[in-house]
């Protein structure tokens, strides 16, 4: 048996050769790191676009939820409610059309994500509904949308992608669309 005749020195040399044969060389490690850098450079822009798209979708859903809340309040309290929009400051909110001396305790005021902006695109027929000199959606006590309320709102992100909040065909609420109606 040849293995029995090997000395300790030869045995340790064989172990070192076995270890070095299974290790990576410096060139191989540099190539793997270069591949990782290239892959990261390709993936990061797509991920950031995905995150920005999520902000747009999230804000559209948040805005729509407040519109639905405003409409529900109009029905449950039996009085007109206003969903107002301030395009200059990026704020929007909901409150009773007429409130008492202390104001509307249930009023809400939200601000859009700083990377987004919104605009009122189409106003309904008749005189445009406004609240404190701002465009507004007015919900009547039966839940219907006032005819002077905006028909469409446009949310746009910094990359130019848009979501539309458009009045439904039956004029009973709003929905989210990917394009202008």
Protein backbone atom coordinates (compact mmCIF):
# COMPACT_ATOMS: atom_id res chain seq x y z
CA UNK A 1 0.00 0.00 0.00
CA UNK A 2 1.58 3.26 -1.09
CA UNK A 3 -0.30 5.44 1.43
CA UNK A 4 1.25 3.57 4.35
CA UNK A 5 4.75 4.34 3.10
CA UNK A 6 4.27 8.12 2.91
CA UNK A 7 6.01 10.18 5.48
CA UNK A 8 4.39 12.94 7.49
CA UNK A 9 6.04 15.53 5.28
CA UNK A 10 4.56 14.08 2.09
CA UNK A 11 1.17 13.69 3.70
CA UNK A 12 1.03 17.34 4.71
CA UNK A 13 2.12 18.34 1.19
CA UNK A 14 -0.74 16.30 -0.30
CA UNK A 15 -3.22 17.95 2.09
CA UNK A 16 -1.99 21.41 1.07
CA UNK A 17 -2.37 20.51 -2.59
CA UNK A 18 -5.91 19.28 -1.98
CA UNK A 19 -6.85 22.51 -0.15
CA UNK A 20 -5.41 24.79 -2.81
CA UNK A 21 -7.06 22.83 -5.59
CA UNK A 22 -10.52 23.43 -4.09
CA UNK A 23 -10.07 27.17 -3.34
CA UNK A 24 -10.92 30.11 -5.63
CA UNK A 25 -8.21 32.12 -7.27
CA UNK A 26 -8.10 35.89 -6.96
CA UNK A 27 -9.05 36.29 -10.63
CA UNK A 28 -12.14 34.10 -10.16
CA UNK A 29 -13.23 36.18 -7.15
CA UNK A 30 -12.74 39.43 -9.06
CA UNK A 31 -14.81 38.09 -11.98
CA UNK A 32 -17.65 37.07 -9.64
CA UNK A 33 -17.63 40.49 -7.97
CA UNK A 34 -17.65 42.21 -11.38
CA UNK A 35 -20.69 40.13 -12.38
CA UNK A 36 -22.45 41.11 -9.15
CA UNK A 37 -21.77 44.80 -9.82
CA UNK A 38 -23.16 44.53 -13.36
CA UNK A 39 -26.26 42.67 -12.18
CA UNK A 40 -26.86 45.19 -9.40
CA UNK A 41 -26.52 48.07 -11.85
CA UNK A 42 -29.21 46.48 -14.03
CA UNK A 43 -31.62 45.61 -11.22
CA UNK A 44 -31.56 48.78 -9.07
CA UNK A 45 -33.33 51.07 -11.59
CA UNK A 46 -36.12 48.53 -11.99
CA UNK A 47 -36.55 48.22 -8.23
CA UNK A 48 -36.65 51.99 -7.77
CA UNK A 49 -39.28 52.23 -10.53
CA UNK A 50 -41.29 49.55 -8.76
CA UNK A 51 -41.10 51.45 -5.47
CA UNK A 52 -42.16 54.71 -7.13
CA UNK A 53 -45.07 52.91 -8.78
CA UNK A 54 -46.10 51.59 -5.39
CA UNK A 55 -46.19 55.14 -4.00
CA UNK A 56 -48.47 56.22 -6.86
CA UNK A 57 -50.82 53.26 -6.38
CA UNK A 58 -50.83 53.67 -2.61
CA UNK A 59 -51.69 57.37 -2.81
CA UNK A 60 -54.46 56.73 -5.36
CA UNK A 61 -55.99 54.11 -3.04
CA UNK A 62 -55.64 56.43 -0.02
CA UNK A 63 -57.32 59.26 -1.90
CA UNK A 64 -60.11 56.97 -3.12
CA UNK A 65 -60.64 55.68 0.43
CA UNK A 66 -61.13 59.24 1.70
CA UNK A 67 -63.55 59.93 -1.17
CA UNK A 68 -65.58 56.86 -0.15
CA UNK A 69 -65.46 57.92 3.51
CA UNK A 70 -66.73 61.37 2.58
CA UNK A 71 -69.57 59.86 0.57
CA UNK A 72 -70.49 57.52 3.44
CA UNK A 73 -70.54 60.44 5.88
CA UNK A 74 -72.91 62.35 3.58
CA UNK A 75 -75.33 59.44 3.63
CA UNK A 76 -75.01 58.56 7.32
CA UNK A 77 -75.24 62.16 8.58
CA UNK A 78 -77.82 63.22 5.99
CA UNK A 79 -75.98 66.37 4.96
CA UNK A 80 -73.69 67.41 2.09
CA UNK A 81 -70.00 66.57 2.52
CA UNK A 82 -67.05 68.03 0.68
CA UNK A 83 -63.86 66.38 -0.55
CA UNK A 84 -61.57 69.33 -1.32
CA UNK A 85 -58.24 69.47 -3.20
CA UNK A 86 -55.44 72.01 -2.97
CA UNK A 87 -53.19 71.41 -5.98
CA UNK A 88 -50.63 74.05 -4.94
CA UNK A 89 -49.86 72.60 -1.49
CA UNK A 90 -50.55 68.97 -2.37
CA UNK A 91 -53.18 68.67 0.34
CA UNK A 92 -56.66 67.23 0.22
CA UNK A 93 -59.29 66.55 2.80
CA UNK A 94 -62.89 65.99 3.72
CA UNK A 95 -65.34 67.85 5.91
CA UNK A 96 -68.94 68.81 6.29
CA UNK A 97 -70.12 71.53 3.92
CA UNK A 98 -71.55 73.47 6.84
CA UNK A 99 -70.09 72.97 10.27
CA UNK A 100 -70.89 74.35 13.69
CA UNK A 101 -69.04 76.99 15.67
CA UNK A 102 -66.24 74.58 16.62
CA UNK A 103 -65.80 73.30 13.07
CA UNK A 104 -66.09 69.72 11.90
CA UNK A 105 -64.63 67.35 14.49
CA UNK A 106 -64.47 64.56 11.90
CA UNK A 107 -62.69 66.64 9.26
CA UNK A 108 -59.59 65.08 7.70
CA UNK A 109 -56.62 66.75 6.06
CA UNK A 110 -53.96 64.72 4.20
CA UNK A 111 -50.88 65.55 2.15
CA UNK A 112 -49.72 63.61 -0.91
CA UNK A 113 -46.31 61.97 -1.08
CA UNK A 114 -43.71 64.64 -2.04
CA UNK A 115 -42.84 62.73 -5.22
CA UNK A 116 -46.43 63.01 -6.46
CA UNK A 117 -48.73 65.77 -7.63
CA UNK A 118 -52.40 65.85 -8.49
CA UNK A 119 -54.55 67.98 -10.75
CA UNK A 120 -58.24 68.39 -11.39
CA UNK A 121 -58.63 67.48 -15.04
CA UNK A 122 -62.29 67.63 -15.95
CA UNK A 123 -65.00 69.50 -14.16
CA UNK A 124 -68.57 68.34 -14.31
CA UNK A 125 -71.37 70.20 -16.05
CA UNK A 126 -72.74 73.40 -14.61
CA UNK A 127 -70.95 75.65 -12.16
CA UNK A 128 -67.74 74.12 -10.81
CA UNK A 129 -68.05 73.05 -7.19
CA UNK A 130 -65.59 74.78 -4.90
CA UNK A 131 -64.92 74.92 -1.18
CA UNK A 132 -62.86 77.78 0.26
CA UNK A 133 -61.87 78.69 -3.32
CA UNK A 134 -60.53 75.17 -3.95
CA UNK A 135 -61.90 72.57 -6.38
CA UNK A 136 -64.10 70.11 -4.53
CA UNK A 137 -66.23 67.02 -4.91
CA UNK A 138 -69.58 67.55 -3.24
CA UNK A 139 -71.57 64.54 -2.07
CA UNK A 140 -75.28 65.03 -1.57
CA UNK A 141 -77.15 63.47 1.39
CA UNK A 142 -78.28 60.59 -0.82
CA UNK A 143 -74.63 59.81 -1.71
CA UNK A 144 -74.82 61.12 -5.28
CA UNK A 145 -72.05 63.28 -6.70
CA UNK A 146 -73.02 66.91 -7.33
CA UNK A 147 -73.04 67.70 -11.06
CA UNK A 148 -70.52 70.53 -10.70
CA UNK A 149 -67.94 68.24 -9.07
CA UNK A 150 -64.77 67.29 -10.95
CA UNK A 151 -65.19 64.23 -13.12
CA UNK A 152 -61.52 63.30 -13.06
CA UNK A 153 -58.47 63.79 -10.87
CA UNK A 154 -55.00 62.95 -12.11
CA UNK A 155 -52.18 61.73 -9.85
CA UNK A 156 -48.72 61.86 -11.44
CA UNK A 157 -45.35 60.71 -10.11
CA UNK A 158 -41.91 62.17 -10.83
CA UNK A 159 -41.34 59.65 -13.67
CA UNK A 160 -44.51 60.82 -15.46
CA UNK A 161 -46.70 57.79 -14.67
CA UNK A 162 -50.31 58.61 -13.85
CA UNK A 163 -53.38 57.21 -12.15
CA UNK A 164 -56.80 58.69 -12.71
CA UNK A 165 -59.62 58.92 -10.19
CA UNK A 166 -62.65 59.16 -12.40
CA UNK A 167 -66.33 59.54 -11.66
CA UNK A 168 -68.26 56.34 -12.36
CA UNK A 169 -70.69 56.28 -15.28
CA UNK A 170 -73.70 56.27 -12.94
CA UNK A 171 -72.39 59.39 -11.07
CA UNK A 172 -72.52 57.55 -7.75
CA UNK A 173 -68.81 57.57 -6.87
CA UNK A 174 -65.25 57.39 -8.14
CA UNK A 175 -62.86 54.66 -9.28
CA UNK A 176 -59.19 54.31 -10.14
CA UNK A 177 -58.16 54.06 -13.81
CA UNK A 178 -54.79 53.79 -15.56
CA UNK A 179 -55.82 56.22 -18.29
CA UNK A 180 -58.06 59.19 -18.94
CA UNK A 181 -61.73 58.51 -19.57
